[in-house]
Amino acid sequence: MTDIEFDILDELYFLQSYDYLLKTLKLNDNLLKRLLLDLIEKGWVKCYGSPTEEEPLESPDFEKDYWNYHYLATKAGLLAHNSNF
């Protein structure tokens, strides 16, 4: 796990918007987008259509709507994050 992946997962113990992550982590848009997609592909992060949805999106149109989603670390992501200390 890279330091940036660690920092992203650190923010995703609770559901967070893309905008929140962008502002808090101070990353450029393209880098954050790529890193989130990598974390999703690893199974460490899930994305949600809104902050009130209880189920993650099954097949999000990430390229089109990544900025509009909310993100949350998965159990696997939290375990990876915690074992990285």
PDB file of N, CA and C in Angstrom:
ATOM      1  N   MET A   1       0.843  -1.172   0.000  1.00  0.00           N
ATOM      2  CA  MET A   1       0.000   0.000   0.000  1.00  0.00           C
ATOM      3  C   MET A   1       0.890   1.238   0.000  1.00  0.00           C
ATOM      4  N   THR A   2       0.553   2.159  -0.881  1.00  0.00           N
ATOM      5  CA  THR A   2       1.326   3.397  -0.945  1.00  0.00           C
ATOM      6  C   THR A   2       0.862   4.360   0.160  1.00  0.00           C
ATOM      7  N   ASP A   3       1.667   5.375   0.407  1.00  0.00           N
ATOM      8  CA  ASP A   3       1.292   6.379   1.408  1.00  0.00           C
ATOM      9  C   ASP A   3      -0.001   7.089   1.026  1.00  0.00           C
ATOM     10  N   ILE A   4      -0.169   7.362  -0.274  1.00  0.00           N
ATOM     11  CA  ILE A   4      -1.384   8.052  -0.717  1.00  0.00           C
ATOM     12  C   ILE A   4      -2.608   7.147  -0.550  1.00  0.00           C
ATOM     13  N   GLU A   5      -2.474   5.863  -0.883  1.00  0.00           N
ATOM     14  CA  GLU A   5      -3.583   4.931  -0.672  1.00  0.00           C
ATOM     15  C   GLU A   5      -3.946   4.872   0.811  1.00  0.00           C
ATOM     16  N   PHE A   6      -2.929   4.853   1.664  1.00  0.00           N
ATOM     17  CA  PHE A   6      -3.149   4.850   3.104  1.00  0.00           C
ATOM     18  C   PHE A   6      -3.941   6.085   3.528  1.00  0.00           C
ATOM     19  N   ASP A   7      -3.535   7.246   3.016  1.00  0.00           N
ATOM     20  CA  ASP A   7      -4.224   8.495   3.363  1.00  0.00           C
ATOM     21  C   ASP A   7      -5.682   8.502   2.888  1.00  0.00           C
ATOM     22  N   ILE A   8      -5.922   7.963   1.704  1.00  0.00           N
ATOM     23  CA  ILE A   8      -7.295   7.893   1.189  1.00  0.00           C
ATOM     24  C   ILE A   8      -8.140   6.985   2.084  1.00  0.00           C
ATOM     25  N   LEU A   9      -7.625   5.792   2.378  1.00  0.00           N
ATOM     26  CA  LEU A   9      -8.377   4.873   3.234  1.00  0.00           C
ATOM     27  C   LEU A   9      -8.605   5.454   4.619  1.00  0.00           C
ATOM     28  N   ASP A  10      -7.659   6.240   5.089  1.00  0.00           N
ATOM     29  CA  ASP A  10      -7.783   6.890   6.390  1.00  0.00           C
ATOM     30  C   ASP A  10      -9.010   7.803   6.439  1.00  0.00           C
ATOM     31  N   GLU A  11      -9.365   8.385   5.307  1.00  0.00           N
ATOM     32  CA  GLU A  11     -10.539   9.270   5.219  1.00  0.00           C
ATOM     33  C   GLU A  11     -11.832   8.508   4.981  1.00  0.00           C
ATOM     34  N   LEU A  12     -11.730   7.223   4.663  1.00  0.00           N
ATOM     35  CA  LEU A  12     -12.918   6.485   4.239  1.00  0.00           C
ATOM     36  C   LEU A  12     -13.452   5.512   5.281  1.00  0.00           C
ATOM     37  N   TYR A  13     -13.187   5.785   6.539  1.00  0.00           N
ATOM     38  CA  TYR A  13     -13.832   5.005   7.596  1.00  0.00           C
ATOM     39  C   TYR A  13     -15.315   5.356   7.653  1.00  0.00           C
ATOM     40  N   PHE A  14     -15.642   6.535   7.149  1.00  0.00           N
ATOM     41  CA  PHE A  14     -17.021   6.984   7.021  1.00  0.00           C
ATOM     42  C   PHE A  14     -17.245   7.391   5.578  1.00  0.00           C
ATOM     43  N   LEU A  15     -18.471   7.306   5.127  1.00  0.00           N
ATOM     44  CA  LEU A  15     -18.831   7.660   3.757  1.00  0.00           C
ATOM     45  C   LEU A  15     -18.461   9.116   3.475  1.00  0.00           C
ATOM     46  N   GLN A  16     -17.714   9.325   2.379  1.00  0.00           N
ATOM     47  CA  GLN A  16     -17.252  10.671   2.033  1.00  0.00           C
ATOM     48  C   GLN A  16     -17.510  10.946   0.562  1.00  0.00           C
ATOM     49  N   SER A  17     -17.771  12.197   0.259  1.00  0.00           N
ATOM     50  CA  SER A  17     -17.970  12.605  -1.135  1.00  0.00           C
ATOM     51  C   SER A  17     -16.623  12.765  -1.835  1.00  0.00           C
ATOM     52  N   TYR A  18     -16.676  12.733  -3.143  1.00  0.00           N
ATOM     53  CA  TYR A  18     -15.466  12.952  -3.942  1.00  0.00           C
ATOM     54  C   TYR A  18     -14.909  14.344  -3.661  1.00  0.00           C
ATOM     55  N   ASP A  19     -15.780  15.321  -3.606  1.00  0.00           N
ATOM     56  CA  ASP A  19     -15.363  16.697  -3.354  1.00  0.00           C
ATOM     57  C   ASP A  19     -14.635  16.820  -2.011  1.00  0.00           C
ATOM     58  N   TYR A  20     -15.175  16.160  -0.985  1.00  0.00           N
ATOM     59  CA  TYR A  20     -14.525  16.166   0.331  1.00  0.00           C
ATOM     60  C   TYR A  20     -13.110  15.586   0.231  1.00  0.00           C
ATOM     61  N   LEU A  21     -12.982  14.451  -0.458  1.00  0.00           N
ATOM     62  CA  LEU A  21     -11.667  13.817  -0.592  1.00  0.00           C
ATOM     63  C   LEU A  21     -10.696  14.715  -1.346  1.00  0.00           C
ATOM     64  N   LEU A  22     -11.176  15.322  -2.401  1.00  0.00           N
ATOM     65  CA  LEU A  22     -10.337  16.210  -3.210  1.00  0.00           C
ATOM     66  C   LEU A  22      -9.803  17.368  -2.373  1.00  0.00           C
ATOM     67  N   LYS A  23     -10.669  17.988  -1.589  1.00  0.00           N
ATOM     68  CA  LYS A  23     -10.259  19.125  -0.764  1.00  0.00           C
ATOM     69  C   LYS A  23      -9.387  18.704   0.416  1.00  0.00           C
ATOM     70  N   THR A  24      -9.743  17.614   1.072  1.00  0.00           N
ATOM     71  CA  THR A  24      -9.024  17.177   2.268  1.00  0.00           C
ATOM     72  C   THR A  24      -7.643  16.638   1.944  1.00  0.00           C
ATOM     73  N   LEU A  25      -7.548  15.848   0.893  1.00  0.00           N
ATOM     74  CA  LEU A  25      -6.272  15.209   0.552  1.00  0.00           C
ATOM     75  C   LEU A  25      -5.368  16.104  -0.290  1.00  0.00           C
ATOM     76  N   LYS A  26      -5.945  17.169  -0.841  1.00  0.00           N
ATOM     77  CA  LYS A  26      -5.185  18.120  -1.665  1.00  0.00           C
ATOM     78  C   LYS A  26      -4.443  17.431  -2.817  1.00  0.00           C
ATOM     79  N   LEU A  27      -5.178  16.540  -3.499  1.00  0.00           N
ATOM     80  CA  LEU A  27      -4.651  15.860  -4.681  1.00  0.00           C
ATOM     81  C   LEU A  27      -5.290  16.471  -5.913  1.00  0.00           C
ATOM     82  N   ASN A  28      -4.625  16.323  -7.049  1.00  0.00           N
ATOM     83  CA  ASN A  28      -5.282  16.810  -8.266  1.00  0.00           C
ATOM     84  C   ASN A  28      -6.356  15.806  -8.691  1.00  0.00           C
ATOM     85  N   ASP A  29      -7.302  16.291  -9.457  1.00  0.00           N
ATOM     86  CA  ASP A  29      -8.470  15.509  -9.848  1.00  0.00           C
ATOM     87  C   ASP A  29      -8.100  14.193 -10.531  1.00  0.00           C
ATOM     88  N   ASN A  30      -7.201  14.236 -11.500  1.00  0.00           N
ATOM     89  CA  ASN A  30      -6.847  13.023 -12.243  1.00  0.00           C
ATOM     90  C   ASN A  30      -6.185  11.982 -11.357  1.00  0.00           C
ATOM     91  N   LEU A  31      -5.333  12.410 -10.431  1.00  0.00           N
ATOM     92  CA  LEU A  31      -4.659  11.468  -9.542  1.00  0.00           C
ATOM     93  C   LEU A  31      -5.658  10.819  -8.597  1.00  0.00           C
ATOM     94  N   LEU A  32      -6.525  11.605  -7.983  1.00  0.00           N
ATOM     95  CA  LEU A  32      -7.509  11.039  -7.061  1.00  0.00           C
ATOM     96  C   LEU A  32      -8.439  10.075  -7.792  1.00  0.00           C
ATOM     97  N   LYS A  33      -8.875  10.443  -8.966  1.00  0.00           N
ATOM     98  CA  LYS A  33      -9.742   9.573  -9.767  1.00  0.00           C
ATOM     99  C   LYS A  33      -9.064   8.228 -10.031  1.00  0.00           C
ATOM    100  N   ARG A  34      -7.817   8.265 -10.451  1.00  0.00           N
ATOM    101  CA  ARG A  34      -7.075   7.031 -10.752  1.00  0.00           C
ATOM    102  C   ARG A  34      -6.877   6.181  -9.500  1.00  0.00           C
ATOM    103  N   LEU A  35      -6.519   6.838  -8.395  1.00  0.00           N
ATOM    104  CA  LEU A  35      -6.286   6.100  -7.150  1.00  0.00           C
ATOM    105  C   LEU A  35      -7.569   5.466  -6.619  1.00  0.00           C
ATOM    106  N   LEU A  36      -8.673   6.181  -6.694  1.00  0.00           N
ATOM    107  CA  LEU A  36      -9.940   5.597  -6.260  1.00  0.00           C
ATOM    108  C   LEU A  36     -10.321   4.399  -7.110  1.00  0.00           C
ATOM    109  N   LEU A  37     -10.132   4.504  -8.403  1.00  0.00           N
ATOM    110  CA  LEU A  37     -10.429   3.382  -9.285  1.00  0.00           C
ATOM    111  C   LEU A  37      -9.542   2.184  -8.941  1.00  0.00           C
ATOM    112  N   ASP A  38      -8.267   2.422  -8.670  1.00  0.00           N
ATOM    113  CA  ASP A  38      -7.358   1.343  -8.263  1.00  0.00           C
ATOM    114  C   ASP A  38      -7.836   0.685  -6.971  1.00  0.00           C
ATOM    115  N   LEU A  39      -8.249   1.504  -6.008  1.00  0.00           N
ATOM    116  CA  LEU A  39      -8.724   0.968  -4.730  1.00  0.00           C
ATOM    117  C   LEU A  39     -10.024   0.194  -4.892  1.00  0.00           C
ATOM    118  N   ILE A  40     -10.886   0.642  -5.780  1.00  0.00           N
ATOM    119  CA  ILE A  40     -12.122  -0.081  -6.072  1.00  0.00           C
ATOM    120  C   ILE A  40     -11.791  -1.431  -6.700  1.00  0.00           C
ATOM    121  N   GLU A  41     -10.859  -1.445  -7.651  1.00  0.00           N
ATOM    122  CA  GLU A  41     -10.470  -2.689  -8.315  1.00  0.00           C
ATOM    123  C   GLU A  41      -9.807  -3.673  -7.348  1.00  0.00           C
ATOM    124  N   LYS A  42      -9.119  -3.164  -6.335  1.00  0.00           N
ATOM    125  CA  LYS A  42      -8.514  -4.020  -5.304  1.00  0.00           C
ATOM    126  C   LYS A  42      -9.559  -4.553  -4.327  1.00  0.00           C
ATOM    127  N   GLY A  43     -10.758  -3.978  -4.367  1.00  0.00           N
ATOM    128  CA  GLY A  43     -11.802  -4.374  -3.438  1.00  0.00           C
ATOM    129  C   GLY A  43     -11.701  -3.677  -2.092  1.00  0.00           C
ATOM    130  N   TRP A  44     -10.947  -2.601  -2.020  1.00  0.00           N
ATOM    131  CA  TRP A  44     -10.724  -1.880  -0.764  1.00  0.00           C
ATOM    132  C   TRP A  44     -11.681  -0.715  -0.573  1.00  0.00           C
ATOM    133  N   VAL A  45     -12.370  -0.305  -1.634  1.00  0.00           N
ATOM    134  CA  VAL A  45     -13.297   0.824  -1.576  1.00  0.00           C
ATOM    135  C   VAL A  45     -14.534   0.479  -2.410  1.00  0.00           C
ATOM    136  N   LYS A  46     -15.681   0.924  -1.931  1.00  0.00           N
ATOM    137  CA  LYS A  46     -16.944   0.818  -2.677  1.00  0.00           C
ATOM    138  C   LYS A  46     -17.458   2.223  -2.928  1.00  0.00           C
ATOM    139  N   CYS A  47     -18.232   2.388  -3.988  1.00  0.00           N
ATOM    140  CA  CYS A  47     -18.824   3.708  -4.219  1.00  0.00           C
ATOM    141  C   CYS A  47     -20.341   3.609  -4.164  1.00  0.00           C
ATOM    142  N   TYR A  48     -20.911   4.719  -3.743  1.00  0.00           N
ATOM    143  CA  TYR A  48     -22.336   4.844  -3.512  1.00  0.00           C
ATOM    144  C   TYR A  48     -22.864   6.030  -4.306  1.00  0.00           C
ATOM    145  N   GLY A  49     -24.108   5.932  -4.737  1.00  0.00           N
ATOM    146  CA  GLY A  49     -24.708   6.987  -5.531  1.00  0.00           C
ATOM    147  C   GLY A  49     -25.068   8.234  -4.741  1.00  0.00           C
ATOM    148  N   SER A  50     -25.298   8.053  -3.439  1.00  0.00           N
ATOM    149  CA  SER A  50     -25.641   9.199  -2.593  1.00  0.00           C
ATOM    150  C   SER A  50     -25.284   8.864  -1.148  1.00  0.00           C
ATOM    151  N   PRO A  51     -25.266   9.882  -0.283  1.00  0.00           N
ATOM    152  CA  PRO A  51     -24.905   9.622   1.115  1.00  0.00           C
ATOM    153  C   PRO A  51     -25.984   8.872   1.895  1.00  0.00           C
ATOM    154  N   THR A  52     -27.156   8.695   1.318  1.00  0.00           N
ATOM    155  CA  THR A  52     -28.228   8.002   2.031  1.00  0.00           C
ATOM    156  C   THR A  52     -28.447   6.568   1.546  1.00  0.00           C
ATOM    157  N   GLU A  53     -27.766   6.168   0.499  1.00  0.00           N
ATOM    158  CA  GLU A  53     -27.919   4.795  -0.010  1.00  0.00           C
ATOM    159  C   GLU A  53     -27.234   3.813   0.923  1.00  0.00           C
ATOM    160  N   GLU A  54     -27.878   2.674   1.134  1.00  0.00           N
ATOM    161  CA  GLU A  54     -27.310   1.661   2.010  1.00  0.00           C
ATOM    162  C   GLU A  54     -26.544   0.594   1.256  1.00  0.00           C
ATOM    163  N   GLU A  55     -26.785   0.474  -0.019  1.00  0.00           N
ATOM    164  CA  GLU A  55     -26.109  -0.531  -0.837  1.00  0.00           C
ATOM    165  C   GLU A  55     -25.160   0.145  -1.830  1.00  0.00           C
ATOM    166  N   PRO A  56     -23.936  -0.401  -1.974  1.00  0.00           N
ATOM    167  CA  PRO A  56     -23.015   0.185  -2.950  1.00  0.00           C
ATOM    168  C   PRO A  56     -23.500  -0.047  -4.379  1.00  0.00           C
ATOM    169  N   LEU A  57     -23.033   0.782  -5.278  1.00  0.00           N
ATOM    170  CA  LEU A  57     -23.372   0.621  -6.693  1.00  0.00           C
ATOM    171  C   LEU A  57     -22.702  -0.640  -7.217  1.00  0.00           C
ATOM    172  N   GLU A  58     -23.463  -1.464  -7.922  1.00  0.00           N
ATOM    173  CA  GLU A  58     -22.930  -2.717  -8.451  1.00  0.00           C
ATOM    174  C   GLU A  58     -21.967  -2.496  -9.615  1.00  0.00           C
ATOM    175  N   SER A  59     -22.353  -1.654 -10.534  1.00  0.00           N
ATOM    176  CA  SER A  59     -21.482  -1.385 -11.688  1.00  0.00           C
ATOM    177  C   SER A  59     -21.539   0.114 -11.998  1.00  0.00           C
ATOM    178  N   PRO A  60     -20.805   0.886 -11.205  1.00  0.00           N
ATOM    179  CA  PRO A  60     -20.847   2.341 -11.411  1.00  0.00           C
ATOM    180  C   PRO A  60     -20.222   2.740 -12.741  1.00  0.00           C
ATOM    181  N   ASP A  61     -20.746   3.793 -13.339  1.00  0.00           N
ATOM    182  CA  ASP A  61     -20.158   4.365 -14.548  1.00  0.00           C
ATOM    183  C   ASP A  61     -19.075   5.335 -14.082  1.00  0.00           C
ATOM    184  N   PHE A  62     -17.959   4.768 -13.636  1.00  0.00           N
ATOM    185  CA  PHE A  62     -16.936   5.542 -12.948  1.00  0.00           C
ATOM    186  C   PHE A  62     -16.394   6.665 -13.812  1.00  0.00           C
ATOM    187  N   GLU A  63     -16.095   6.398 -15.048  1.00  0.00           N
ATOM    188  CA  GLU A  63     -15.515   7.422 -15.926  1.00  0.00           C
ATOM    189  C   GLU A  63     -16.444   8.621 -16.091  1.00  0.00           C
ATOM    190  N   LYS A  64     -17.728   8.371 -16.084  1.00  0.00           N
ATOM    191  CA  LYS A  64     -18.693   9.438 -16.322  1.00  0.00           C
ATOM    192  C   LYS A  64     -19.066  10.189 -15.040  1.00  0.00           C
ATOM    193  N   ASP A  65     -19.210   9.470 -13.924  1.00  0.00           N
ATOM    194  CA  ASP A  65     -19.794  10.064 -12.726  1.00  0.00           C
ATOM    195  C   ASP A  65     -18.938   9.988 -11.466  1.00  0.00           C
ATOM    196  N   TYR A  66     -17.656   9.684 -11.563  1.00  0.00           N
ATOM    197  CA  TYR A  66     -16.809   9.504 -10.372  1.00  0.00           C
ATOM    198  C   TYR A  66     -16.901  10.675  -9.404  1.00  0.00           C
ATOM    199  N   TRP A  67     -17.031  11.886  -9.907  1.00  0.00           N
ATOM    200  CA  TRP A  67     -17.068  13.100  -9.083  1.00  0.00           C
ATOM    201  C   TRP A  67     -18.363  13.228  -8.297  1.00  0.00           C
ATOM    202  N   ASN A  68     -19.391  12.481  -8.725  1.00  0.00           N
ATOM    203  CA  ASN A  68     -20.704  12.575  -8.109  1.00  0.00           C
ATOM    204  C   ASN A  68     -20.951  11.480  -7.064  1.00  0.00           C
ATOM    205  N   TYR A  69     -20.044  10.517  -6.947  1.00  0.00           N
ATOM    206  CA  TYR A  69     -20.222   9.395  -6.037  1.00  0.00           C
ATOM    207  C   TYR A  69     -19.699   9.712  -4.638  1.00  0.00           C
ATOM    208  N   HIS A  70     -20.073   8.838  -3.712  1.00  0.00           N
ATOM    209  CA  HIS A  70     -19.554   8.850  -2.350  1.00  0.00           C
ATOM    210  C   HIS A  70     -18.783   7.548  -2.159  1.00  0.00           C
ATOM    211  N   TYR A  71     -17.784   7.566  -1.302  1.00  0.00           N
ATOM    212  CA  TYR A  71     -16.867   6.439  -1.176  1.00  0.00           C
ATOM    213  C   TYR A  71     -16.740   5.996   0.270  1.00  0.00           C
ATOM    214  N   LEU A  72     -16.513   4.677   0.434  1.00  0.00           N
ATOM    215  CA  LEU A  72     -16.377   4.092   1.752  1.00  0.00           C
ATOM    216  C   LEU A  72     -15.418   2.909   1.661  1.00  0.00           C
ATOM    217  N   ALA A  73     -14.529   2.802   2.636  1.00  0.00           N
ATOM    218  CA  ALA A  73     -13.617   1.661   2.669  1.00  0.00           C
ATOM    219  C   ALA A  73     -14.403   0.387   2.954  1.00  0.00           C
ATOM    220  N   THR A  74     -13.989  -0.713   2.357  1.00  0.00           N
ATOM    221  CA  THR A  74     -14.585  -2.013   2.624  1.00  0.00           C
ATOM    222  C   THR A  74     -13.879  -2.635   3.824  1.00  0.00           C
ATOM    223  N   LYS A  75     -14.396  -3.744   4.272  1.00  0.00           N
ATOM    224  CA  LYS A  75     -13.745  -4.468   5.369  1.00  0.00           C
ATOM    225  C   LYS A  75     -12.317  -4.841   4.965  1.00  0.00           C
ATOM    226  N   ALA A  76     -12.142  -5.305   3.738  1.00  0.00           N
ATOM    227  CA  ALA A  76     -10.797  -5.656   3.255  1.00  0.00           C
ATOM    228  C   ALA A  76      -9.881  -4.433   3.230  1.00  0.00           C
ATOM    229  N   GLY A  77     -10.440  -3.287   2.836  1.00  0.00           N
ATOM    230  CA  GLY A  77      -9.665  -2.052   2.807  1.00  0.00           C
ATOM    231  C   GLY A  77      -9.256  -1.610   4.201  1.00  0.00           C
ATOM    232  N   LEU A  78     -10.168  -1.734   5.160  1.00  0.00           N
ATOM    233  CA  LEU A  78      -9.856  -1.366   6.534  1.00  0.00           C
ATOM    234  C   LEU A  78      -8.795  -2.295   7.135  1.00  0.00           C
ATOM    235  N   LEU A  79      -8.907  -3.570   6.812  1.00  0.00           N
ATOM    236  CA  LEU A  79      -7.886  -4.520   7.302  1.00  0.00           C
ATOM    237  C   LEU A  79      -6.522  -4.215   6.702  1.00  0.00           C
ATOM    238  N   ALA A  80      -6.486  -3.900   5.425  1.00  0.00           N
ATOM    239  CA  ALA A  80      -5.215  -3.540   4.777  1.00  0.00           C
ATOM    240  C   ALA A  80      -4.664  -2.255   5.395  1.00  0.00           C
ATOM    241  N   HIS A  81      -5.529  -1.291   5.629  1.00  0.00           N
ATOM    242  CA  HIS A  81      -5.124  -0.020   6.227  1.00  0.00           C
ATOM    243  C   HIS A  81      -4.563  -0.226   7.630  1.00  0.00           C
ATOM    244  N   ASN A  82      -5.254  -1.024   8.434  1.00  0.00           N
ATOM    245  CA  ASN A  82      -4.829  -1.261   9.816  1.00  0.00           C
ATOM    246  C   ASN A  82      -3.577  -2.115   9.923  1.00  0.00           C
ATOM    247  N   SER A  83      -3.346  -2.997   8.963  1.00  0.00           N
ATOM    248  CA  SER A  83      -2.149  -3.831   9.013  1.00  0.00           C
ATOM    249  C   SER A  83      -0.929  -3.102   8.482  1.00  0.00           C
ATOM    250  N   ASN A  84      -1.129  -1.904   7.980  1.00  0.00           N
ATOM    251  CA  ASN A  84      -0.038  -1.114   7.399  1.00  0.00           C
ATOM    252  C   ASN A  84       0.671  -0.237   8.433  1.00  0.00           C
ATOM    253  N   PHE A  85       0.207  -0.257   9.680  1.00  0.00           N
ATOM    254  CA  PHE A  85       0.826   0.574  10.712  1.00  0.00           C
ATOM    255  C   PHE A  85       2.214   0.117  11.026  1.00  0.00           C
TER     256      PHE A  85
END
